[in-house]
Amino acid sequence: AVLAILLGRGVDALLTLLPMLVGVGYGLILARRRDAS
């Protein structure tokens, strides 16, 4: 049952949540620059 989670949602997380969180990080940098100006 644990393996099923890793094989399904684990791979989904790799392809979706990892890049999304990295994207959020760059969005925060842009927001900081916006707010500074």
All heavy atoms as atom14 arrays in JSON, in Angstrom:
{
  "sequence": "AVLAILLGRGVDALLTLLPMLVGVGYGLILARRRDAS",
  "atom14_mask": [
    [1, 1, 1, 1, 1, 0, 0, 0, 0, 0, 0, 0, 0, 0],
    [1, 1, 1, 1, 1, 1, 1, 0, 0, 0, 0, 0, 0, 0],
    [1, 1, 1, 1, 1, 1, 1, 1, 0, 0, 0, 0, 0, 0],
    [1, 1, 1, 1, 1, 0, 0, 0, 0, 0, 0, 0, 0, 0],
    [1, 1, 1, 1, 1, 1, 1, 1, 0, 0, 0, 0, 0, 0],
    [1, 1, 1, 1, 1, 1, 1, 1, 0, 0, 0, 0, 0, 0],
    [1, 1, 1, 1, 1, 1, 1, 1, 0, 0, 0, 0, 0, 0],
    [1, 1, 1, 1, 0, 0, 0, 0, 0, 0, 0, 0, 0, 0],
    [1, 1, 1, 1, 1, 1, 1, 1, 1, 1, 1, 0, 0, 0],
    [1, 1, 1, 1, 0, 0, 0, 0, 0, 0, 0, 0, 0, 0],
    [1, 1, 1, 1, 1, 1, 1, 0, 0, 0, 0, 0, 0, 0],
    [1, 1, 1, 1, 1, 1, 1, 1, 0, 0, 0, 0, 0, 0],
    [1, 1, 1, 1, 1, 0, 0, 0, 0, 0, 0, 0, 0, 0],
    [1, 1, 1, 1, 1, 1, 1, 1, 0, 0, 0, 0, 0, 0],
    [1, 1, 1, 1, 1, 1, 1, 1, 0, 0, 0, 0, 0, 0],
    [1, 1, 1, 1, 1, 1, 1, 0, 0, 0, 0, 0, 0, 0],
    [1, 1, 1, 1, 1, 1, 1, 1, 0, 0, 0, 0, 0, 0],
    [1, 1, 1, 1, 1, 1, 1, 1, 0, 0, 0, 0, 0, 0],
    [1, 1, 1, 1, 1, 1, 1, 0, 0, 0, 0, 0, 0, 0],
    [1, 1, 1, 1, 1, 1, 1, 1, 0, 0, 0, 0, 0, 0],
    [1, 1, 1, 1, 1, 1, 1, 1, 0, 0, 0, 0, 0, 0],
    [1, 1, 1, 1, 1, 1, 1, 0, 0, 0, 0, 0, 0, 0],
    [1, 1, 1, 1, 0, 0, 0, 0, 0, 0, 0, 0, 0, 0],
    [1, 1, 1, 1, 1, 1, 1, 0, 0, 0, 0, 0, 0, 0],
    [1, 1, 1, 1, 0, 0, 0, 0, 0, 0, 0, 0, 0, 0],
    [1, 1, 1, 1, 1, 1, 1, 1, 1, 1, 1, 1, 0, 0],
    [1, 1, 1, 1, 0, 0, 0, 0, 0, 0, 0, 0, 0, 0],
    [1, 1, 1, 1, 1, 1, 1, 1, 0, 0, 0, 0, 0, 0],
    [1, 1, 1, 1, 1, 1, 1, 1, 0, 0, 0, 0, 0, 0],
    [1, 1, 1, 1, 1, 1, 1, 1, 0, 0, 0, 0, 0, 0],
    [1, 1, 1, 1, 1, 0, 0, 0, 0, 0, 0, 0, 0, 0],
    [1, 1, 1, 1, 1, 1, 1, 1, 1, 1, 1, 0, 0, 0],
    [1, 1, 1, 1, 1, 1, 1, 1, 1, 1, 1, 0, 0, 0],
    [1, 1, 1, 1, 1, 1, 1, 1, 1, 1, 1, 0, 0, 0],
    [1, 1, 1, 1, 1, 1, 1, 1, 0, 0, 0, 0, 0, 0],
    [1, 1, 1, 1, 1, 0, 0, 0, 0, 0, 0, 0, 0, 0],
    [1, 1, 1, 1, 1, 1, 0, 0, 0, 0, 0, 0, 0, 0]
  ],
  "atom14_positions": [
    [[0.84, -1.2, 0.0], [0.0, 0.0, 0.0], [0.87, 1.25, 0.0], [0.58, 2.24, -0.69], [-0.93, -0.01, 1.21], [0.0, 0.0, 0.0], [0.0, 0.0, 0.0], [0.0, 0.0, 0.0], [0.0, 0.0, 0.0], [0.0, 0.0, 0.0], [0.0, 0.0, 0.0], [0.0, 0.0, 0.0], [0.0, 0.0, 0.0], [0.0, 0.0, 0.0]],
    [[1.97, 1.22, 0.76], [2.91, 2.35, 0.78], [3.58, 2.49, -0.58], [3.74, 3.61, -1.09], [3.95, 2.15, 1.89], [5.01, 3.24, 1.83], [3.29, 2.14, 3.26], [0.0, 0.0, 0.0], [0.0, 0.0, 0.0], [0.0, 0.0, 0.0], [0.0, 0.0, 0.0], [0.0, 0.0, 0.0], [0.0, 0.0, 0.0], [0.0, 0.0, 0.0]],
    [[3.97, 1.37, -1.18], [4.58, 1.42, -2.51], [3.62, 2.01, -3.53], [4.04, 2.75, -4.44], [5.02, 0.02, -2.94], [6.25, -0.55, -2.25], [6.5, -1.98, -2.71], [7.48, 0.31, -2.53], [0.0, 0.0, 0.0], [0.0, 0.0, 0.0], [0.0, 0.0, 0.0], [0.0, 0.0, 0.0], [0.0, 0.0, 0.0], [0.0, 0.0, 0.0]],
    [[2.33, 1.71, -3.4], [1.34, 2.25, -4.33], [1.32, 3.78, -4.25], [1.17, 4.47, -5.26], [-0.04, 1.68, -4.04], [0.0, 0.0, 0.0], [0.0, 0.0, 0.0], [0.0, 0.0, 0.0], [0.0, 0.0, 0.0], [0.0, 0.0, 0.0], [0.0, 0.0, 0.0], [0.0, 0.0, 0.0], [0.0, 0.0, 0.0], [0.0, 0.0, 0.0]],
    [[1.46, 4.31, -3.03], [1.5, 5.76, -2.87], [2.73, 6.33, -3.59], [2.64, 7.32, -4.33], [1.54, 6.14, -1.38], [0.25, 5.69, -0.68], [1.72, 7.65, -1.22], [0.27, 5.92, 0.81], [0.0, 0.0, 0.0], [0.0, 0.0, 0.0], [0.0, 0.0, 0.0], [0.0, 0.0, 0.0], [0.0, 0.0, 0.0], [0.0, 0.0, 0.0]],
    [[3.87, 5.71, -3.39], [5.1, 6.21, -4.0], [5.06, 6.1, -5.52], [5.5, 7.01, -6.23], [6.3, 5.43, -3.45], [6.57, 5.58, -1.96], [7.72, 4.67, -1.53], [6.87, 7.03, -1.6], [0.0, 0.0, 0.0], [0.0, 0.0, 0.0], [0.0, 0.0, 0.0], [0.0, 0.0, 0.0], [0.0, 0.0, 0.0], [0.0, 0.0, 0.0]],
    [[4.52, 4.98, -6.03], [4.48, 4.76, -7.47], [3.52, 5.72, -8.17], [3.73, 6.08, -9.33], [4.07, 3.33, -7.77], [5.03, 2.23, -7.29], [4.41, 0.86, -7.53], [6.36, 2.34, -8.0], [0.0, 0.0, 0.0], [0.0, 0.0, 0.0], [0.0, 0.0, 0.0], [0.0, 0.0, 0.0], [0.0, 0.0, 0.0], [0.0, 0.0, 0.0]],
    [[2.45, 6.08, -7.48], [1.46, 6.96, -8.07], [1.67, 8.4, -7.68], [2.22, 9.21, -8.43], [0.0, 0.0, 0.0], [0.0, 0.0, 0.0], [0.0, 0.0, 0.0], [0.0, 0.0, 0.0], [0.0, 0.0, 0.0], [0.0, 0.0, 0.0], [0.0, 0.0, 0.0], [0.0, 0.0, 0.0], [0.0, 0.0, 0.0], [0.0, 0.0, 0.0]],
    [[1.28, 8.73, -6.46], [1.34, 10.13, -6.02], [2.77, 10.61, -5.83], [3.05, 11.8, -5.94], [0.52, 10.29, -4.75], [-0.98, 10.16, -5.0], [-1.78, 10.26, -3.71], [-3.21, 10.32, -3.99], [-3.97, 9.24, -4.16], [-3.43, 8.03, -4.08], [-5.26, 9.37, -4.41], [0.0, 0.0, 0.0], [0.0, 0.0, 0.0], [0.0, 0.0, 0.0]],
    [[3.7, 9.7, -5.53], [5.08, 10.11, -5.4], [5.64, 10.64, -6.71], [6.31, 11.68, -6.75], [0.0, 0.0, 0.0], [0.0, 0.0, 0.0], [0.0, 0.0, 0.0], [0.0, 0.0, 0.0], [0.0, 0.0, 0.0], [0.0, 0.0, 0.0], [0.0, 0.0, 0.0], [0.0, 0.0, 0.0], [0.0, 0.0, 0.0], [0.0, 0.0, 0.0]],
    [[5.37, 9.92, -7.8], [5.81, 10.38, -9.12], [5.07, 11.65, -9.51], [5.66, 12.58, -10.08], [5.61, 9.27, -10.16], [5.95, 9.77, -11.57], [6.45, 8.05, -9.81], [0.0, 0.0, 0.0], [0.0, 0.0, 0.0], [0.0, 0.0, 0.0], [0.0, 0.0, 0.0], [0.0, 0.0, 0.0], [0.0, 0.0, 0.0], [0.0, 0.0, 0.0]],
    [[3.77, 11.71, -9.21], [3.0, 12.93, -9.5], [3.61, 14.13, -8.8], [3.72, 15.22, -9.38], [1.54, 12.76, -9.04], [0.78, 11.74, -9.88], [1.19, 11.5, -11.03], [-0.2, 11.18, -9.37], [0.0, 0.0, 0.0], [0.0, 0.0, 0.0], [0.0, 0.0, 0.0], [0.0, 0.0, 0.0], [0.0, 0.0, 0.0], [0.0, 0.0, 0.0]],
    [[4.0, 13.95, -7.53], [4.59, 15.05, -6.77], [5.9, 15.51, -7.4], [6.19, 16.71, -7.47], [4.81, 14.63, -5.32], [0.0, 0.0, 0.0], [0.0, 0.0, 0.0], [0.0, 0.0, 0.0], [0.0, 0.0, 0.0], [0.0, 0.0, 0.0], [0.0, 0.0, 0.0], [0.0, 0.0, 0.0], [0.0, 0.0, 0.0], [0.0, 0.0, 0.0]],
    [[6.7, 14.56, -7.88], [7.96, 14.91, -8.52], [7.72, 15.78, -9.75], [8.45, 16.75, -9.98], [8.7, 13.63, -8.92], [10.01, 13.81, -9.69], [11.06, 14.46, -8.8], [10.5, 12.47, -10.22], [0.0, 0.0, 0.0], [0.0, 0.0, 0.0], [0.0, 0.0, 0.0], [0.0, 0.0, 0.0], [0.0, 0.0, 0.0], [0.0, 0.0, 0.0]],
    [[6.69, 15.44, -10.52], [6.44, 16.15, -11.78], [5.63, 17.43, -11.6], [5.6, 18.26, -12.51], [5.71, 15.22, -12.76], [6.49, 13.97, -13.2], [5.6, 13.09, -14.07], [7.75, 14.35, -13.95], [0.0, 0.0, 0.0], [0.0, 0.0, 0.0], [0.0, 0.0, 0.0], [0.0, 0.0, 0.0], [0.0, 0.0, 0.0], [0.0, 0.0, 0.0]],
    [[4.97, 17.59, -10.47], [4.11, 18.76, -10.28], [4.56, 19.65, -9.12], [4.83, 20.84, -9.3], [2.64, 18.34, -10.04], [2.56, 17.51, -8.86], [2.08, 17.59, -11.23], [0.0, 0.0, 0.0], [0.0, 0.0, 0.0], [0.0, 0.0, 0.0], [0.0, 0.0, 0.0], [0.0, 0.0, 0.0], [0.0, 0.0, 0.0], [0.0, 0.0, 0.0]],
    [[4.65, 19.09, -7.92], [4.91, 19.92, -6.75], [6.34, 20.44, -6.7], [6.57, 21.58, -6.29], [4.59, 19.14, -5.47], [3.12, 18.71, -5.32], [2.89, 18.09, -3.96], [2.18, 19.88, -5.54], [0.0, 0.0, 0.0], [0.0, 0.0, 0.0], [0.0, 0.0, 0.0], [0.0, 0.0, 0.0], [0.0, 0.0, 0.0], [0.0, 0.0, 0.0]],
    [[7.31, 19.61, -7.1], [8.69, 20.1, -7.12], [8.83, 21.33, -8.0], [9.31, 22.38, -7.53], [9.63, 18.99, -7.56], [11.09, 19.42, -7.82], [11.73, 19.96, -6.55], [11.91, 18.28, -8.41], [0.0, 0.0, 0.0], [0.0, 0.0, 0.0], [0.0, 0.0, 0.0], [0.0, 0.0, 0.0], [0.0, 0.0, 0.0], [0.0, 0.0, 0.0]],
    [[8.45, 21.28, -9.28], [8.59, 22.5, -10.1], [7.7, 23.64, -9.62], [8.08, 24.81, -9.75], [8.22, 22.03, -11.51], [7.44, 20.78, -11.32], [7.99, 20.13, -10.1], [0.0, 0.0, 0.0], [0.0, 0.0, 0.0], [0.0, 0.0, 0.0], [0.0, 0.0, 0.0], [0.0, 0.0, 0.0], [0.0, 0.0, 0.0], [0.0, 0.0, 0.0]],
    [[6.53, 23.32, -9.07], [5.65, 24.39, -8.6], [6.3, 25.15, -7.45], [6.26, 26.39, -7.41], [4.3, 23.81, -8.17], [3.29, 24.88, -7.74], [1.65, 24.2, -7.45], [1.16, 23.83, -9.15], [0.0, 0.0, 0.0], [0.0, 0.0, 0.0], [0.0, 0.0, 0.0], [0.0, 0.0, 0.0], [0.0, 0.0, 0.0], [0.0, 0.0, 0.0]],
    [[6.89, 24.44, -6.51], [7.53, 25.1, -5.38], [8.74, 25.91, -5.82], [9.0, 27.01, -5.31], [7.92, 24.07, -4.32], [6.75, 23.41, -3.59], [7.23, 22.28, -2.7], [5.98, 24.45, -2.77], [0.0, 0.0, 0.0], [0.0, 0.0, 0.0], [0.0, 0.0, 0.0], [0.0, 0.0, 0.0], [0.0, 0.0, 0.0], [0.0, 0.0, 0.0]],
    [[9.5, 25.38, -6.77], [10.62, 26.15, -7.31], [10.1, 27.4, -8.01], [10.66, 28.5, -7.85], [11.46, 25.29, -8.29], [12.47, 26.14, -9.04], [12.17, 24.17, -7.52], [0.0, 0.0, 0.0], [0.0, 0.0, 0.0], [0.0, 0.0, 0.0], [0.0, 0.0, 0.0], [0.0, 0.0, 0.0], [0.0, 0.0, 0.0], [0.0, 0.0, 0.0]],
    [[9.02, 27.26, -8.75], [8.42, 28.43, -9.39], [7.96, 29.46, -8.38], [8.15, 30.67, -8.59], [0.0, 0.0, 0.0], [0.0, 0.0, 0.0], [0.0, 0.0, 0.0], [0.0, 0.0, 0.0], [0.0, 0.0, 0.0], [0.0, 0.0, 0.0], [0.0, 0.0, 0.0], [0.0, 0.0, 0.0], [0.0, 0.0, 0.0], [0.0, 0.0, 0.0]],
    [[7.38, 29.01, -7.28], [6.97, 29.94, -6.22], [8.17, 30.73, -5.72], [8.1, 31.95, -5.5], [6.29, 29.18, -5.06], [6.13, 30.11, -3.85], [4.94, 28.66, -5.47], [0.0, 0.0, 0.0], [0.0, 0.0, 0.0], [0.0, 0.0, 0.0], [0.0, 0.0, 0.0], [0.0, 0.0, 0.0], [0.0, 0.0, 0.0], [0.0, 0.0, 0.0]],
    [[9.3, 30.04, -5.55], [10.51, 30.72, -5.08], [10.9, 31.88, -6.0], [11.21, 32.98, -5.53], [0.0, 0.0, 0.0], [0.0, 0.0, 0.0], [0.0, 0.0, 0.0], [0.0, 0.0, 0.0], [0.0, 0.0, 0.0], [0.0, 0.0, 0.0], [0.0, 0.0, 0.0], [0.0, 0.0, 0.0], [0.0, 0.0, 0.0], [0.0, 0.0, 0.0]],
    [[10.88, 31.63, -7.29], [11.23, 32.71, -8.22], [10.14, 33.77, -8.27], [10.44, 34.97, -8.45], [11.49, 32.13, -9.61], [12.83, 31.44, -9.68], [12.93, 30.05, -9.65], [14.0, 32.18, -9.75], [14.16, 29.42, -9.7], [15.24, 31.55, -9.79], [15.31, 30.16, -9.76], [16.53, 29.55, -9.78], [0.0, 0.0, 0.0], [0.0, 0.0, 0.0]],
    [[8.89, 33.38, -8.08], [7.83, 34.38, -8.01], [7.99, 35.3, -6.81], [7.73, 36.5, -6.89], [0.0, 0.0, 0.0], [0.0, 0.0, 0.0], [0.0, 0.0, 0.0], [0.0, 0.0, 0.0], [0.0, 0.0, 0.0], [0.0, 0.0, 0.0], [0.0, 0.0, 0.0], [0.0, 0.0, 0.0], [0.0, 0.0, 0.0], [0.0, 0.0, 0.0]],
    [[8.45, 34.75, -5.69], [8.69, 35.57, -4.5], [9.83, 36.56, -4.74], [9.79, 37.7, -4.25], [9.01, 34.68, -3.31], [7.85, 33.82, -2.78], [8.32, 32.91, -1.67], [6.71, 34.7, -2.3], [0.0, 0.0, 0.0], [0.0, 0.0, 0.0], [0.0, 0.0, 0.0], [0.0, 0.0, 0.0], [0.0, 0.0, 0.0], [0.0, 0.0, 0.0]],
    [[10.85, 36.14, -5.46], [11.94, 37.06, -5.79], [11.42, 38.22, -6.62], [11.74, 39.4, -6.37], [13.06, 36.32, -6.54], [13.76, 35.33, -5.61], [14.06, 37.31, -7.12], [14.8, 34.48, -6.31], [0.0, 0.0, 0.0], [0.0, 0.0, 0.0], [0.0, 0.0, 0.0], [0.0, 0.0, 0.0], [0.0, 0.0, 0.0], [0.0, 0.0, 0.0]],
    [[10.6, 37.91, -7.62], [10.02, 38.97, -8.46], [9.12, 39.88, -7.63], [9.1, 41.11, -7.83], [9.23, 38.35, -9.61], [10.06, 37.57, -10.64], [9.14, 36.89, -11.66], [11.04, 38.49, -11.35], [0.0, 0.0, 0.0], [0.0, 0.0, 0.0], [0.0, 0.0, 0.0], [0.0, 0.0, 0.0], [0.0, 0.0, 0.0], [0.0, 0.0, 0.0]],
    [[8.36, 39.29, -6.73], [7.47, 40.1, -5.88], [8.28, 41.02, -4.97], [7.9, 42.18, -4.74], [6.57, 39.19, -5.04], [0.0, 0.0, 0.0], [0.0, 0.0, 0.0], [0.0, 0.0, 0.0], [0.0, 0.0, 0.0], [0.0, 0.0, 0.0], [0.0, 0.0, 0.0], [0.0, 0.0, 0.0], [0.0, 0.0, 0.0], [0.0, 0.0, 0.0]],
    [[9.4, 40.51, -4.45], [10.23, 41.33, -3.59], [10.77, 42.53, -4.35], [10.8, 43.66, -3.85], [11.38, 40.49, -3.05], [12.24, 41.23, -2.01], [13.41, 40.4, -1.56], [14.44, 40.32, -2.58], [14.89, 39.2, -3.13], [14.37, 38.05, -2.77], [15.84, 39.22, -4.04], [0.0, 0.0, 0.0], [0.0, 0.0, 0.0], [0.0, 0.0, 0.0]],
    [[11.21, 42.3, -5.59], [11.72, 43.4, -6.4], [10.61, 44.39, -6.73], [10.83, 45.61, -6.74], [12.35, 42.85, -7.67], [13.62, 42.04, -7.41], [14.17, 41.44, -8.69], [15.4, 40.7, -8.44], [16.05, 40.0, -9.36], [15.56, 39.95, -10.61], [17.16, 39.36, -9.05], [0.0, 0.0, 0.0], [0.0, 0.0, 0.0], [0.0, 0.0, 0.0]],
    [[9.44, 43.86, -7.01], [8.3, 44.74, -7.29], [7.98, 45.61, -6.09], [7.78, 46.83, -6.21], [7.09, 43.9, -7.67], [5.79, 44.67, -7.89], [4.6, 43.73, -7.82], [4.5, 43.14, -6.49], [3.85, 42.0, -6.23], [3.3, 41.32, -7.22], [3.79, 41.54, -5.0], [0.0, 0.0, 0.0], [0.0, 0.0, 0.0], [0.0, 0.0, 0.0]],
    [[7.95, 44.98, -4.91], [7.58, 45.72, -3.72], [8.67, 46.7, -3.31], [8.4, 47.73, -2.69], [7.31, 44.75, -2.56], [6.05, 43.93, -2.79], [5.27, 44.31, -3.69], [5.85, 42.93, -2.08], [0.0, 0.0, 0.0], [0.0, 0.0, 0.0], [0.0, 0.0, 0.0], [0.0, 0.0, 0.0], [0.0, 0.0, 0.0], [0.0, 0.0, 0.0]],
    [[9.92, 46.38, -3.66], [11.0, 47.31, -3.34], [10.88, 48.59, -4.15], [11.21, 49.68, -3.68], [12.35, 46.65, -3.6], [0.0, 0.0, 0.0], [0.0, 0.0, 0.0], [0.0, 0.0, 0.0], [0.0, 0.0, 0.0], [0.0, 0.0, 0.0], [0.0, 0.0, 0.0], [0.0, 0.0, 0.0], [0.0, 0.0, 0.0], [0.0, 0.0, 0.0]],
    [[10.38, 48.45, -5.39], [10.23, 49.63, -6.23], [8.9, 50.33, -6.02], [8.79, 51.53, -6.25], [10.37, 49.24, -7.71], [9.35, 48.3, -8.05], [0.0, 0.0, 0.0], [0.0, 0.0, 0.0], [0.0, 0.0, 0.0], [0.0, 0.0, 0.0], [0.0, 0.0, 0.0], [0.0, 0.0, 0.0], [0.0, 0.0, 0.0], [0.0, 0.0, 0.0]]
  ]
}
